[in-house]
Amino acid sequence: MIKKYEAGTLILRVVLGLTFFIHGLVKFQSGIENIAGWFDAIGLPGFLAYGVALLEMVGGIALLVGFGSRIVSALLALLMIGATLKVKLAVGFIGDGTMGAGYELDLAFLAMALFIAINGSKMLALDQILFKGQKSSN
């Protein structure tokens, strides 16, 4: 039972990590200045775009290797709450057909991040190697 649970959690951690890493990478590759300008246009300080992209990239890598998974997942959950409330909520659950997707995917990422933040993910996690013998918060 424990192995199945940990294997399932590992799958969530890796998929979430890979997805956020790619989202952050694309923000930098497509021109982070454009994202900063869009943040300004929706009423957020443009410099937050850099923080969001960095959190997505570094947090994604951390999840992939299992380093600080609970903390990183909590931060990503907060990011998803902010994105949903500020941007996606207005277009509805599946979108309105004109402004792109709704918040259904954000909600799924939020649920995944909350699960890992609450339960941790120990299987194949760097934390387990680095902090072996110590009580893990992961």
N, C-alpha and C. Protein backbone atom coordinates (compact mmCIF):
# COMPACT_ATOMS: atom_id res chain seq x y z
N MET A 1 0.83 -1.21 0.00
CA MET A 1 0.00 0.00 0.00
C MET A 1 0.87 1.26 0.00
N ILE A 2 1.88 1.30 0.85
CA ILE A 2 2.76 2.48 0.93
C ILE A 2 3.47 2.70 -0.40
N LYS A 3 3.95 1.64 -1.02
CA LYS A 3 4.68 1.78 -2.30
C LYS A 3 3.77 2.35 -3.39
N LYS A 4 2.51 1.89 -3.45
CA LYS A 4 1.57 2.42 -4.44
C LYS A 4 1.32 3.90 -4.20
N TYR A 5 1.12 4.27 -2.94
CA TYR A 5 0.89 5.66 -2.56
C TYR A 5 2.08 6.52 -2.97
N GLU A 6 3.28 6.07 -2.62
CA GLU A 6 4.49 6.83 -2.97
C GLU A 6 4.70 6.90 -4.47
N ALA A 7 4.40 5.81 -5.18
CA ALA A 7 4.54 5.82 -6.64
C ALA A 7 3.57 6.82 -7.26
N GLY A 8 2.35 6.84 -6.77
CA GLY A 8 1.37 7.81 -7.26
C GLY A 8 1.79 9.24 -6.99
N THR A 9 2.31 9.46 -5.80
CA THR A 9 2.78 10.80 -5.43
C THR A 9 3.97 11.21 -6.29
N LEU A 10 4.86 10.26 -6.57
CA LEU A 10 6.01 10.52 -7.44
C LEU A 10 5.53 10.96 -8.83
N ILE A 11 4.54 10.29 -9.35
CA ILE A 11 4.00 10.64 -10.67
C ILE A 11 3.46 12.07 -10.64
N LEU A 12 2.70 12.42 -9.63
CA LEU A 12 2.18 13.79 -9.52
C LEU A 12 3.32 14.80 -9.44
N ARG A 13 4.34 14.49 -8.62
CA ARG A 13 5.46 15.41 -8.44
C ARG A 13 6.22 15.63 -9.73
N VAL A 14 6.49 14.55 -10.47
CA VAL A 14 7.26 14.67 -11.70
C VAL A 14 6.47 15.41 -12.78
N VAL A 15 5.20 15.07 -12.94
CA VAL A 15 4.38 15.75 -13.95
C VAL A 15 4.22 17.23 -13.62
N LEU A 16 3.97 17.54 -12.37
CA LEU A 16 3.83 18.93 -11.96
C LEU A 16 5.14 19.67 -12.15
N GLY A 17 6.25 19.06 -11.76
CA GLY A 17 7.56 19.69 -11.91
C GLY A 17 7.91 19.95 -13.36
N LEU A 18 7.71 18.96 -14.21
CA LEU A 18 8.01 19.12 -15.63
C LEU A 18 7.15 20.20 -16.26
N THR A 19 5.88 20.20 -15.92
CA THR A 19 4.95 21.18 -16.49
C THR A 19 5.33 22.60 -16.08
N PHE A 20 5.62 22.80 -14.79
CA PHE A 20 5.98 24.15 -14.36
C PHE A 20 7.32 24.58 -14.92
N PHE A 21 8.28 23.65 -14.99
CA PHE A 21 9.58 23.99 -15.58
C PHE A 21 9.40 24.49 -17.00
N ILE A 22 8.61 23.77 -17.79
CA ILE A 22 8.41 24.17 -19.19
C ILE A 22 7.68 25.50 -19.28
N HIS A 23 6.68 25.72 -18.43
CA HIS A 23 5.97 27.01 -18.43
C HIS A 23 6.93 28.16 -18.14
N GLY A 24 7.80 27.99 -17.16
CA GLY A 24 8.77 29.03 -16.83
C GLY A 24 9.77 29.25 -17.95
N LEU A 25 10.26 28.16 -18.54
CA LEU A 25 11.22 28.24 -19.63
C LEU A 25 10.63 29.00 -20.82
N VAL A 26 9.40 28.69 -21.16
CA VAL A 26 8.74 29.35 -22.29
C VAL A 26 8.60 30.85 -22.03
N LYS A 27 8.34 31.23 -20.79
CA LYS A 27 8.23 32.65 -20.47
C LYS A 27 9.54 33.37 -20.79
N PHE A 28 10.66 32.75 -20.45
CA PHE A 28 11.95 33.37 -20.75
C PHE A 28 12.28 33.30 -22.24
N GLN A 29 11.99 32.19 -22.88
CA GLN A 29 12.31 32.02 -24.30
C GLN A 29 11.48 32.92 -25.20
N SER A 30 10.23 33.15 -24.82
CA SER A 30 9.36 33.96 -25.68
C SER A 30 9.51 35.46 -25.40
N GLY A 31 10.36 35.80 -24.47
CA GLY A 31 10.59 37.21 -24.16
C GLY A 31 9.91 37.59 -22.86
N ILE A 32 10.65 37.49 -21.79
CA ILE A 32 10.08 37.78 -20.46
C ILE A 32 9.60 39.23 -20.38
N GLU A 33 10.20 40.10 -21.21
CA GLU A 33 9.75 41.51 -21.22
C GLU A 33 8.30 41.60 -21.68
N ASN A 34 7.92 40.74 -22.63
CA ASN A 34 6.52 40.72 -23.09
C ASN A 34 5.58 40.29 -21.97
N ILE A 35 6.01 39.29 -21.21
CA ILE A 35 5.20 38.81 -20.09
C ILE A 35 5.09 39.91 -19.03
N ALA A 36 6.21 40.61 -18.78
CA ALA A 36 6.19 41.72 -17.82
C ALA A 36 5.22 42.81 -18.27
N GLY A 37 5.22 43.09 -19.57
CA GLY A 37 4.28 44.07 -20.12
C GLY A 37 2.84 43.64 -19.95
N TRP A 38 2.59 42.35 -20.15
CA TRP A 38 1.24 41.82 -19.97
C TRP A 38 0.83 41.92 -18.51
N PHE A 39 1.75 41.61 -17.59
CA PHE A 39 1.45 41.77 -16.15
C PHE A 39 1.04 43.21 -15.86
N ASP A 40 1.80 44.18 -16.40
CA ASP A 40 1.45 45.60 -16.23
C ASP A 40 0.04 45.88 -16.76
N ALA A 41 -0.26 45.31 -17.92
CA ALA A 41 -1.56 45.56 -18.56
C ALA A 41 -2.73 45.03 -17.75
N ILE A 42 -2.51 43.97 -16.97
CA ILE A 42 -3.61 43.42 -16.16
C ILE A 42 -3.59 43.94 -14.72
N GLY A 43 -2.73 44.92 -14.47
CA GLY A 43 -2.72 45.57 -13.17
C GLY A 43 -1.76 44.98 -12.15
N LEU A 44 -0.84 44.14 -12.59
CA LEU A 44 0.19 43.59 -11.69
C LEU A 44 1.53 44.24 -12.01
N PRO A 45 2.37 44.42 -11.02
CA PRO A 45 3.70 44.97 -11.32
C PRO A 45 4.46 44.06 -12.28
N GLY A 46 5.05 44.64 -13.31
CA GLY A 46 5.73 43.87 -14.33
C GLY A 46 6.86 43.00 -13.80
N PHE A 47 7.54 43.47 -12.75
CA PHE A 47 8.66 42.68 -12.22
C PHE A 47 8.21 41.33 -11.67
N LEU A 48 6.93 41.20 -11.34
CA LEU A 48 6.43 39.91 -10.85
C LEU A 48 6.57 38.81 -11.90
N ALA A 49 6.58 39.18 -13.17
CA ALA A 49 6.73 38.19 -14.24
C ALA A 49 8.04 37.43 -14.08
N TYR A 50 9.09 38.14 -13.70
CA TYR A 50 10.39 37.50 -13.49
C TYR A 50 10.33 36.51 -12.33
N GLY A 51 9.69 36.92 -11.25
CA GLY A 51 9.55 36.05 -10.08
C GLY A 51 8.72 34.81 -10.39
N VAL A 52 7.64 35.00 -11.12
CA VAL A 52 6.77 33.88 -11.48
C VAL A 52 7.53 32.90 -12.37
N ALA A 53 8.19 33.40 -13.40
CA ALA A 53 8.93 32.53 -14.32
C ALA A 53 10.06 31.80 -13.60
N LEU A 54 10.74 32.51 -12.71
CA LEU A 54 11.83 31.88 -11.96
C LEU A 54 11.30 30.82 -11.01
N LEU A 55 10.20 31.11 -10.33
CA LEU A 55 9.57 30.12 -9.45
C LEU A 55 9.15 28.89 -10.25
N GLU A 56 8.57 29.11 -11.41
CA GLU A 56 8.14 27.98 -12.23
C GLU A 56 9.33 27.13 -12.68
N MET A 57 10.40 27.77 -13.11
CA MET A 57 11.57 27.01 -13.59
C MET A 57 12.30 26.32 -12.45
N VAL A 58 12.71 27.09 -11.46
CA VAL A 58 13.48 26.52 -10.34
C VAL A 58 12.61 25.56 -9.53
N GLY A 59 11.36 25.95 -9.30
CA GLY A 59 10.44 25.08 -8.58
C GLY A 59 10.17 23.79 -9.34
N GLY A 60 10.07 23.89 -10.65
CA GLY A 60 9.86 22.70 -11.47
C GLY A 60 11.03 21.74 -11.35
N ILE A 61 12.24 22.28 -11.43
CA ILE A 61 13.44 21.43 -11.28
C ILE A 61 13.48 20.81 -9.89
N ALA A 62 13.18 21.62 -8.87
CA ALA A 62 13.18 21.11 -7.49
C ALA A 62 12.19 19.96 -7.33
N LEU A 63 11.02 20.08 -7.93
CA LEU A 63 10.05 18.99 -7.86
C LEU A 63 10.54 17.76 -8.62
N LEU A 64 11.13 17.98 -9.77
CA LEU A 64 11.63 16.85 -10.55
C LEU A 64 12.63 16.01 -9.76
N VAL A 65 13.50 16.68 -9.01
CA VAL A 65 14.53 15.95 -8.26
C VAL A 65 14.11 15.66 -6.83
N GLY A 66 12.98 16.20 -6.41
CA GLY A 66 12.48 15.94 -5.06
C GLY A 66 13.21 16.72 -3.99
N PHE A 67 13.46 17.99 -4.24
CA PHE A 67 14.13 18.84 -3.26
C PHE A 67 13.17 19.92 -2.77
N GLY A 68 12.82 19.87 -1.49
CA GLY A 68 11.90 20.85 -0.92
C GLY A 68 10.51 20.78 -1.51
N SER A 69 10.06 19.59 -1.82
CA SER A 69 8.80 19.41 -2.54
C SER A 69 7.60 20.04 -1.85
N ARG A 70 7.54 19.94 -0.55
CA ARG A 70 6.37 20.49 0.16
C ARG A 70 6.34 22.01 0.07
N ILE A 71 7.48 22.63 0.29
CA ILE A 71 7.55 24.10 0.25
C ILE A 71 7.30 24.60 -1.17
N VAL A 72 7.99 23.99 -2.13
CA VAL A 72 7.83 24.40 -3.53
C VAL A 72 6.38 24.22 -3.96
N SER A 73 5.77 23.11 -3.60
CA SER A 73 4.38 22.87 -3.98
C SER A 73 3.44 23.89 -3.35
N ALA A 74 3.71 24.28 -2.12
CA ALA A 74 2.89 25.30 -1.47
C ALA A 74 3.01 26.63 -2.22
N LEU A 75 4.22 26.98 -2.64
CA LEU A 75 4.41 28.22 -3.40
C LEU A 75 3.71 28.15 -4.76
N LEU A 76 3.79 27.01 -5.41
CA LEU A 76 3.11 26.85 -6.70
C LEU A 76 1.59 26.86 -6.52
N ALA A 77 1.11 26.34 -5.42
CA ALA A 77 -0.33 26.39 -5.14
C ALA A 77 -0.78 27.85 -5.00
N LEU A 78 0.00 28.64 -4.29
CA LEU A 78 -0.32 30.07 -4.16
C LEU A 78 -0.30 30.76 -5.53
N LEU A 79 0.65 30.39 -6.35
CA LEU A 79 0.72 30.93 -7.71
C LEU A 79 -0.53 30.59 -8.50
N MET A 80 -1.02 29.35 -8.37
CA MET A 80 -2.21 28.93 -9.10
C MET A 80 -3.46 29.65 -8.58
N ILE A 81 -3.52 29.87 -7.29
CA ILE A 81 -4.65 30.62 -6.73
C ILE A 81 -4.65 32.03 -7.30
N GLY A 82 -3.47 32.67 -7.30
CA GLY A 82 -3.36 34.02 -7.85
C GLY A 82 -3.72 34.09 -9.32
N ALA A 83 -3.22 33.14 -10.11
CA ALA A 83 -3.51 33.12 -11.55
C ALA A 83 -5.00 32.91 -11.80
N THR A 84 -5.59 32.03 -11.02
CA THR A 84 -7.02 31.75 -11.20
C THR A 84 -7.85 32.98 -10.86
N LEU A 85 -7.58 33.58 -9.72
CA LEU A 85 -8.38 34.72 -9.28
C LEU A 85 -8.16 35.96 -10.14
N LYS A 86 -6.92 36.21 -10.53
CA LYS A 86 -6.61 37.45 -11.26
C LYS A 86 -6.90 37.35 -12.76
N VAL A 87 -6.70 36.17 -13.34
CA VAL A 87 -6.78 36.08 -14.80
C VAL A 87 -7.90 35.16 -15.29
N LYS A 88 -7.95 33.95 -14.77
CA LYS A 88 -8.78 32.92 -15.37
C LYS A 88 -10.24 32.89 -14.90
N LEU A 89 -10.51 33.32 -13.71
CA LEU A 89 -11.86 33.22 -13.15
C LEU A 89 -12.88 33.94 -14.04
N ALA A 90 -12.48 35.06 -14.59
CA ALA A 90 -13.39 35.87 -15.41
C ALA A 90 -13.83 35.15 -16.68
N VAL A 91 -13.01 34.22 -17.19
CA VAL A 91 -13.39 33.54 -18.44
C VAL A 91 -14.11 32.23 -18.19
N GLY A 92 -14.25 31.84 -16.94
CA GLY A 92 -15.02 30.65 -16.60
C GLY A 92 -14.19 29.38 -16.53
N PHE A 93 -14.85 28.31 -16.17
CA PHE A 93 -14.18 27.03 -15.94
C PHE A 93 -13.50 26.50 -17.19
N ILE A 94 -14.18 26.52 -18.33
CA ILE A 94 -13.58 26.00 -19.56
C ILE A 94 -13.26 27.10 -20.56
N GLY A 95 -13.40 28.34 -20.18
CA GLY A 95 -13.11 29.45 -21.07
C GLY A 95 -14.35 29.96 -21.76
N ASP A 96 -14.19 31.09 -22.40
CA ASP A 96 -15.34 31.68 -23.08
C ASP A 96 -15.22 31.63 -24.60
N GLY A 97 -14.19 30.96 -25.10
CA GLY A 97 -14.02 30.81 -26.54
C GLY A 97 -13.30 31.97 -27.21
N THR A 98 -13.04 33.04 -26.46
CA THR A 98 -12.37 34.19 -27.06
C THR A 98 -11.02 34.50 -26.41
N MET A 99 -10.88 34.24 -25.14
CA MET A 99 -9.66 34.62 -24.42
C MET A 99 -8.82 33.41 -24.01
N GLY A 100 -8.98 32.31 -24.64
CA GLY A 100 -8.18 31.15 -24.28
C GLY A 100 -8.87 30.28 -23.25
N ALA A 101 -8.06 29.47 -22.61
CA ALA A 101 -8.57 28.46 -21.69
C ALA A 101 -9.12 29.08 -20.41
N GLY A 102 -9.98 28.32 -19.77
CA GLY A 102 -10.51 28.71 -18.47
C GLY A 102 -9.57 28.25 -17.38
N TYR A 103 -10.12 28.09 -16.20
CA TYR A 103 -9.27 27.76 -15.05
C TYR A 103 -9.26 26.27 -14.70
N GLU A 104 -9.77 25.41 -15.59
CA GLU A 104 -9.81 23.99 -15.28
C GLU A 104 -8.43 23.39 -15.08
N LEU A 105 -7.46 23.74 -15.92
CA LEU A 105 -6.11 23.21 -15.77
C LEU A 105 -5.42 23.80 -14.54
N ASP A 106 -5.65 25.07 -14.29
CA ASP A 106 -5.09 25.71 -13.09
C ASP A 106 -5.61 25.03 -11.83
N LEU A 107 -6.87 24.66 -11.86
CA LEU A 107 -7.47 23.97 -10.71
C LEU A 107 -6.83 22.58 -10.52
N ALA A 108 -6.57 21.88 -11.61
CA ALA A 108 -5.91 20.57 -11.52
C ALA A 108 -4.50 20.72 -10.96
N PHE A 109 -3.75 21.73 -11.45
CA PHE A 109 -2.40 21.97 -10.93
C PHE A 109 -2.45 22.37 -9.46
N LEU A 110 -3.44 23.16 -9.08
CA LEU A 110 -3.61 23.54 -7.68
C LEU A 110 -3.84 22.31 -6.82
N ALA A 111 -4.70 21.42 -7.25
CA ALA A 111 -4.98 20.20 -6.49
C ALA A 111 -3.73 19.33 -6.36
N MET A 112 -2.97 19.19 -7.45
CA MET A 112 -1.73 18.41 -7.41
C MET A 112 -0.73 19.04 -6.44
N ALA A 113 -0.57 20.35 -6.54
CA ALA A 113 0.39 21.04 -5.67
C ALA A 113 -0.02 20.94 -4.21
N LEU A 114 -1.31 21.09 -3.93
CA LEU A 114 -1.78 20.98 -2.54
C LEU A 114 -1.57 19.58 -2.00
N PHE A 115 -1.80 18.58 -2.83
CA PHE A 115 -1.59 17.20 -2.39
C PHE A 115 -0.14 16.99 -1.97
N ILE A 116 0.78 17.45 -2.78
CA ILE A 116 2.20 17.28 -2.47
C ILE A 116 2.59 18.14 -1.28
N ALA A 117 2.07 19.36 -1.19
CA ALA A 117 2.37 20.23 -0.06
C ALA A 117 1.91 19.60 1.26
N ILE A 118 0.79 18.94 1.24
CA ILE A 118 0.24 18.32 2.45
C ILE A 118 0.94 17.01 2.78
N ASN A 119 1.17 16.19 1.77
CA ASN A 119 1.65 14.82 2.00
C ASN A 119 3.14 14.60 1.76
N GLY A 120 3.78 15.49 1.03
CA GLY A 120 5.17 15.27 0.67
C GLY A 120 5.30 14.22 -0.40
N SER A 121 6.53 13.98 -0.82
CA SER A 121 6.81 12.98 -1.84
C SER A 121 8.23 12.47 -1.61
N LYS A 122 8.34 11.28 -1.09
CA LYS A 122 9.65 10.76 -0.68
C LYS A 122 10.33 9.87 -1.71
N MET A 123 9.56 9.20 -2.55
CA MET A 123 10.15 8.23 -3.49
C MET A 123 11.06 8.94 -4.50
N LEU A 124 12.27 8.46 -4.63
CA LEU A 124 13.27 9.01 -5.55
C LEU A 124 13.46 10.51 -5.35
N ALA A 125 13.44 10.96 -4.11
CA ALA A 125 13.57 12.37 -3.80
C ALA A 125 14.98 12.68 -3.28
N LEU A 126 15.56 13.74 -3.77
CA LEU A 126 16.88 14.18 -3.34
C LEU A 126 16.90 14.45 -1.83
N ASP A 127 15.80 14.95 -1.30
CA ASP A 127 15.70 15.19 0.15
C ASP A 127 16.02 13.92 0.95
N GLN A 128 15.59 12.79 0.47
CA GLN A 128 15.80 11.53 1.18
C GLN A 128 17.27 11.14 1.23
N ILE A 129 18.03 11.56 0.23
CA ILE A 129 19.46 11.28 0.20
C ILE A 129 20.22 12.30 1.06
N LEU A 130 19.89 13.56 0.88
CA LEU A 130 20.60 14.62 1.59
C LEU A 130 20.34 14.61 3.09
N PHE A 131 19.13 14.29 3.47
CA PHE A 131 18.74 14.38 4.87
C PHE A 131 18.43 13.02 5.46
N LYS A 132 19.11 11.99 4.97
CA LYS A 132 18.89 10.63 5.45
C LYS A 132 19.15 10.56 6.94
N GLY A 133 18.25 9.94 7.65
CA GLY A 133 18.39 9.81 9.10
C GLY A 133 17.75 10.92 9.88
N GLN A 134 17.45 12.04 9.21
CA GLN A 134 16.76 13.15 9.87
C GLN A 134 15.27 13.02 9.59
N LYS A 135 14.48 13.57 10.49
CA LYS A 135 13.03 13.58 10.23
C LYS A 135 12.79 14.50 9.06
N SER A 136 12.17 13.96 8.03
CA SER A 136 11.96 14.71 6.80
C SER A 136 10.64 15.45 6.83
N SER A 137 10.67 16.71 6.37
CA SER A 137 9.43 17.47 6.21
C SER A 137 8.86 17.21 4.83
N ASN A 138 9.51 16.35 4.10
CA ASN A 138 9.07 16.05 2.74
C ASN A 138 8.32 14.77 2.79
